[in-house]
Amino acid sequence: MRHYLQSPHKFRAARLSLKLSERAMGAALHLGKGGGRTVRRWESGESEVSGPAAVAVSLWLDPRMAPHTREAAIAVWRLAS
């Protein structure tokens, strides 16, 4: 099943709502040196947004998440990538 943030347009909207540049989003997701380029590819539809990245970003956007829970979600993302 595809996560709703795997849509290029929805992923871009999520990044913008977090007020992150493509490069900053790549860094936040620990995508490595070319992370900004990966984010650009996802947003252009050139590559599919990875499931773990979509889930991590959706958790960051969830207003019900306490800050410590958000940090735990980021830690899980690091383990999965």
N, C-alpha and C. Protein backbone atom coordinates (compact mmCIF):
# COMPACT_ATOMS: atom_id res chain seq x y z
N MET A 1 0.84 -1.18 0.00
CA MET A 1 0.00 0.00 0.00
C MET A 1 0.89 1.25 0.00
N ARG A 2 0.54 2.17 -0.84
CA ARG A 2 1.29 3.41 -0.98
C ARG A 2 0.87 4.42 0.07
N HIS A 3 1.86 5.05 0.70
CA HIS A 3 1.59 6.12 1.68
C HIS A 3 1.22 7.38 0.92
N TYR A 4 0.31 8.17 1.47
CA TYR A 4 -0.15 9.38 0.74
C TYR A 4 0.97 10.36 0.45
N LEU A 5 2.02 10.40 1.26
CA LEU A 5 3.13 11.32 1.00
C LEU A 5 4.10 10.79 -0.05
N GLN A 6 3.80 9.63 -0.64
CA GLN A 6 4.63 9.16 -1.73
C GLN A 6 4.26 9.84 -3.05
N SER A 7 3.24 10.67 -3.02
CA SER A 7 2.89 11.50 -4.17
C SER A 7 3.89 12.65 -4.23
N PRO A 8 4.50 12.91 -5.38
CA PRO A 8 5.48 14.00 -5.47
C PRO A 8 4.95 15.35 -4.99
N HIS A 9 3.72 15.69 -5.37
CA HIS A 9 3.17 16.99 -5.00
C HIS A 9 2.88 17.08 -3.50
N LYS A 10 2.39 16.00 -2.93
CA LYS A 10 2.10 16.01 -1.49
C LYS A 10 3.40 16.03 -0.68
N PHE A 11 4.42 15.34 -1.17
CA PHE A 11 5.71 15.36 -0.46
C PHE A 11 6.29 16.77 -0.48
N ARG A 12 6.21 17.43 -1.63
CA ARG A 12 6.72 18.80 -1.73
C ARG A 12 5.94 19.74 -0.80
N ALA A 13 4.64 19.59 -0.77
CA ALA A 13 3.81 20.43 0.10
C ALA A 13 4.18 20.20 1.57
N ALA A 14 4.46 18.95 1.91
CA ALA A 14 4.87 18.64 3.29
C ALA A 14 6.20 19.30 3.62
N ARG A 15 7.15 19.22 2.68
CA ARG A 15 8.46 19.85 2.91
C ARG A 15 8.31 21.35 3.10
N LEU A 16 7.49 21.97 2.26
CA LEU A 16 7.29 23.41 2.37
C LEU A 16 6.60 23.79 3.68
N SER A 17 5.67 22.97 4.13
CA SER A 17 5.00 23.27 5.40
C SER A 17 5.95 23.14 6.59
N LEU A 18 6.99 22.31 6.43
CA LEU A 18 8.02 22.20 7.47
C LEU A 18 9.07 23.31 7.35
N LYS A 19 8.92 24.12 6.29
CA LYS A 19 9.84 25.24 6.02
C LYS A 19 11.29 24.77 5.85
N LEU A 20 11.44 23.68 5.08
CA LEU A 20 12.76 23.12 4.81
C LEU A 20 13.08 23.24 3.32
N SER A 21 14.33 23.55 3.03
CA SER A 21 14.79 23.50 1.65
C SER A 21 14.94 22.03 1.25
N GLU A 22 15.15 21.79 -0.02
CA GLU A 22 15.36 20.41 -0.47
C GLU A 22 16.59 19.82 0.22
N ARG A 23 17.63 20.62 0.32
CA ARG A 23 18.87 20.17 0.96
C ARG A 23 18.65 19.88 2.44
N ALA A 24 17.92 20.77 3.13
CA ALA A 24 17.66 20.57 4.56
C ALA A 24 16.79 19.33 4.80
N MET A 25 15.82 19.09 3.90
CA MET A 25 14.98 17.90 4.03
C MET A 25 15.83 16.65 3.85
N GLY A 26 16.72 16.68 2.87
CA GLY A 26 17.63 15.55 2.66
C GLY A 26 18.49 15.29 3.88
N ALA A 27 18.97 16.36 4.50
CA ALA A 27 19.79 16.22 5.71
C ALA A 27 18.95 15.68 6.87
N ALA A 28 17.72 16.20 7.01
CA ALA A 28 16.85 15.75 8.10
C ALA A 28 16.53 14.27 7.98
N LEU A 29 16.46 13.79 6.73
CA LEU A 29 16.17 12.38 6.48
C LEU A 29 17.44 11.54 6.39
N HIS A 30 18.59 12.17 6.61
CA HIS A 30 19.89 11.48 6.58
C HIS A 30 20.10 10.75 5.26
N LEU A 31 19.87 11.47 4.17
CA LEU A 31 20.01 10.88 2.84
C LEU A 31 21.43 10.98 2.29
N GLY A 32 22.33 11.54 3.05
CA GLY A 32 23.72 11.63 2.61
C GLY A 32 24.01 12.91 1.87
N LYS A 33 25.19 12.96 1.27
CA LYS A 33 25.68 14.17 0.62
C LYS A 33 24.75 14.65 -0.50
N GLY A 34 24.18 13.75 -1.26
CA GLY A 34 23.29 14.12 -2.36
C GLY A 34 21.82 14.11 -1.97
N GLY A 35 21.52 14.30 -0.69
CA GLY A 35 20.15 14.22 -0.20
C GLY A 35 19.21 15.22 -0.84
N GLY A 36 19.71 16.45 -1.06
CA GLY A 36 18.88 17.46 -1.71
C GLY A 36 18.49 17.05 -3.11
N ARG A 37 19.41 16.41 -3.80
CA ARG A 37 19.15 15.93 -5.16
C ARG A 37 18.10 14.82 -5.14
N THR A 38 18.20 13.94 -4.15
CA THR A 38 17.20 12.87 -4.01
C THR A 38 15.82 13.47 -3.79
N VAL A 39 15.74 14.47 -2.92
CA VAL A 39 14.46 15.12 -2.64
C VAL A 39 13.92 15.76 -3.92
N ARG A 40 14.78 16.42 -4.69
CA ARG A 40 14.35 17.02 -5.97
C ARG A 40 13.79 15.95 -6.91
N ARG A 41 14.45 14.81 -6.96
CA ARG A 41 13.98 13.71 -7.83
C ARG A 41 12.62 13.20 -7.37
N TRP A 42 12.45 13.08 -6.06
CA TRP A 42 11.16 12.64 -5.53
C TRP A 42 10.07 13.62 -5.91
N GLU A 43 10.37 14.92 -5.72
CA GLU A 43 9.35 15.95 -5.96
C GLU A 43 9.03 16.15 -7.44
N SER A 44 9.97 15.83 -8.29
CA SER A 44 9.72 15.96 -9.74
C SER A 44 9.03 14.72 -10.31
N GLY A 45 8.97 13.65 -9.53
CA GLY A 45 8.38 12.41 -9.99
C GLY A 45 9.38 11.52 -10.72
N GLU A 46 10.64 11.95 -10.78
CA GLU A 46 11.68 11.17 -11.46
C GLU A 46 11.93 9.86 -10.72
N SER A 47 11.86 9.90 -9.39
CA SER A 47 12.01 8.71 -8.54
C SER A 47 10.85 8.66 -7.57
N GLU A 48 10.51 7.47 -7.13
CA GLU A 48 9.42 7.32 -6.17
C GLU A 48 9.92 7.67 -4.76
N VAL A 49 9.11 8.41 -4.02
CA VAL A 49 9.44 8.73 -2.63
C VAL A 49 9.47 7.42 -1.86
N SER A 50 10.53 7.22 -1.08
CA SER A 50 10.62 5.97 -0.33
C SER A 50 9.54 5.93 0.75
N GLY A 51 9.06 4.74 1.01
CA GLY A 51 8.04 4.55 2.04
C GLY A 51 8.49 5.04 3.41
N PRO A 52 9.70 4.65 3.87
CA PRO A 52 10.15 5.11 5.19
C PRO A 52 10.25 6.64 5.28
N ALA A 53 10.68 7.29 4.20
CA ALA A 53 10.77 8.76 4.21
C ALA A 53 9.38 9.36 4.32
N ALA A 54 8.42 8.84 3.58
CA ALA A 54 7.05 9.35 3.62
C ALA A 54 6.46 9.22 5.02
N VAL A 55 6.68 8.07 5.65
CA VAL A 55 6.16 7.85 7.00
C VAL A 55 6.84 8.79 7.99
N ALA A 56 8.15 8.93 7.90
CA ALA A 56 8.87 9.81 8.82
C ALA A 56 8.35 11.25 8.71
N VAL A 57 8.20 11.74 7.50
CA VAL A 57 7.73 13.12 7.31
C VAL A 57 6.30 13.27 7.82
N SER A 58 5.46 12.27 7.59
CA SER A 58 4.08 12.37 8.09
C SER A 58 4.06 12.43 9.61
N LEU A 59 4.97 11.73 10.25
CA LEU A 59 5.05 11.80 11.72
C LEU A 59 5.53 13.17 12.17
N TRP A 60 6.47 13.75 11.45
CA TRP A 60 6.96 15.10 11.81
C TRP A 60 5.84 16.11 11.70
N LEU A 61 4.91 15.91 10.78
CA LEU A 61 3.81 16.85 10.55
C LEU A 61 2.65 16.66 11.53
N ASP A 62 2.58 15.54 12.18
CA ASP A 62 1.45 15.22 13.05
C ASP A 62 1.46 16.12 14.29
N PRO A 63 0.47 17.01 14.42
CA PRO A 63 0.46 17.93 15.56
C PRO A 63 0.23 17.25 16.90
N ARG A 64 -0.25 16.01 16.86
CA ARG A 64 -0.48 15.28 18.11
C ARG A 64 0.81 14.72 18.70
N MET A 65 1.87 14.71 17.90
CA MET A 65 3.13 14.14 18.38
C MET A 65 3.85 15.09 19.32
N ALA A 66 4.20 14.59 20.46
CA ALA A 66 5.01 15.37 21.39
C ALA A 66 6.42 15.44 20.82
N PRO A 67 7.17 16.49 21.15
CA PRO A 67 8.53 16.62 20.60
C PRO A 67 9.41 15.40 20.84
N HIS A 68 9.32 14.77 22.03
CA HIS A 68 10.17 13.59 22.28
C HIS A 68 9.76 12.42 21.39
N THR A 69 8.48 12.32 21.07
CA THR A 69 8.02 11.26 20.18
C THR A 69 8.51 11.52 18.76
N ARG A 70 8.53 12.78 18.37
CA ARG A 70 9.04 13.16 17.05
C ARG A 70 10.50 12.74 16.93
N GLU A 71 11.28 12.97 18.00
CA GLU A 71 12.69 12.57 17.99
C GLU A 71 12.81 11.05 17.87
N ALA A 72 11.93 10.31 18.52
CA ALA A 72 11.95 8.85 18.42
C ALA A 72 11.66 8.41 16.99
N ALA A 73 10.72 9.10 16.33
CA ALA A 73 10.40 8.78 14.94
C ALA A 73 11.60 9.01 14.04
N ILE A 74 12.34 10.08 14.30
CA ILE A 74 13.54 10.36 13.52
C ILE A 74 14.58 9.27 13.76
N ALA A 75 14.70 8.82 15.01
CA ALA A 75 15.66 7.75 15.33
C ALA A 75 15.30 6.46 14.60
N VAL A 76 14.01 6.14 14.53
CA VAL A 76 13.57 4.94 13.81
C VAL A 76 13.93 5.06 12.33
N TRP A 77 13.72 6.27 11.77
CA TRP A 77 14.08 6.49 10.37
C TRP A 77 15.55 6.20 10.15
N ARG A 78 16.41 6.66 11.07
CA ARG A 78 17.85 6.45 10.93
C ARG A 78 18.18 4.96 10.91
N LEU A 79 17.50 4.19 11.74
CA LEU A 79 17.75 2.75 11.79
C LEU A 79 17.28 2.05 10.51
N ALA A 80 16.19 2.55 9.93
CA ALA A 80 15.64 1.92 8.73
C ALA A 80 16.39 2.26 7.46
N SER A 81 17.16 3.37 7.50
CA SER A 81 17.82 3.78 6.26
C SER A 81 19.24 3.27 6.17
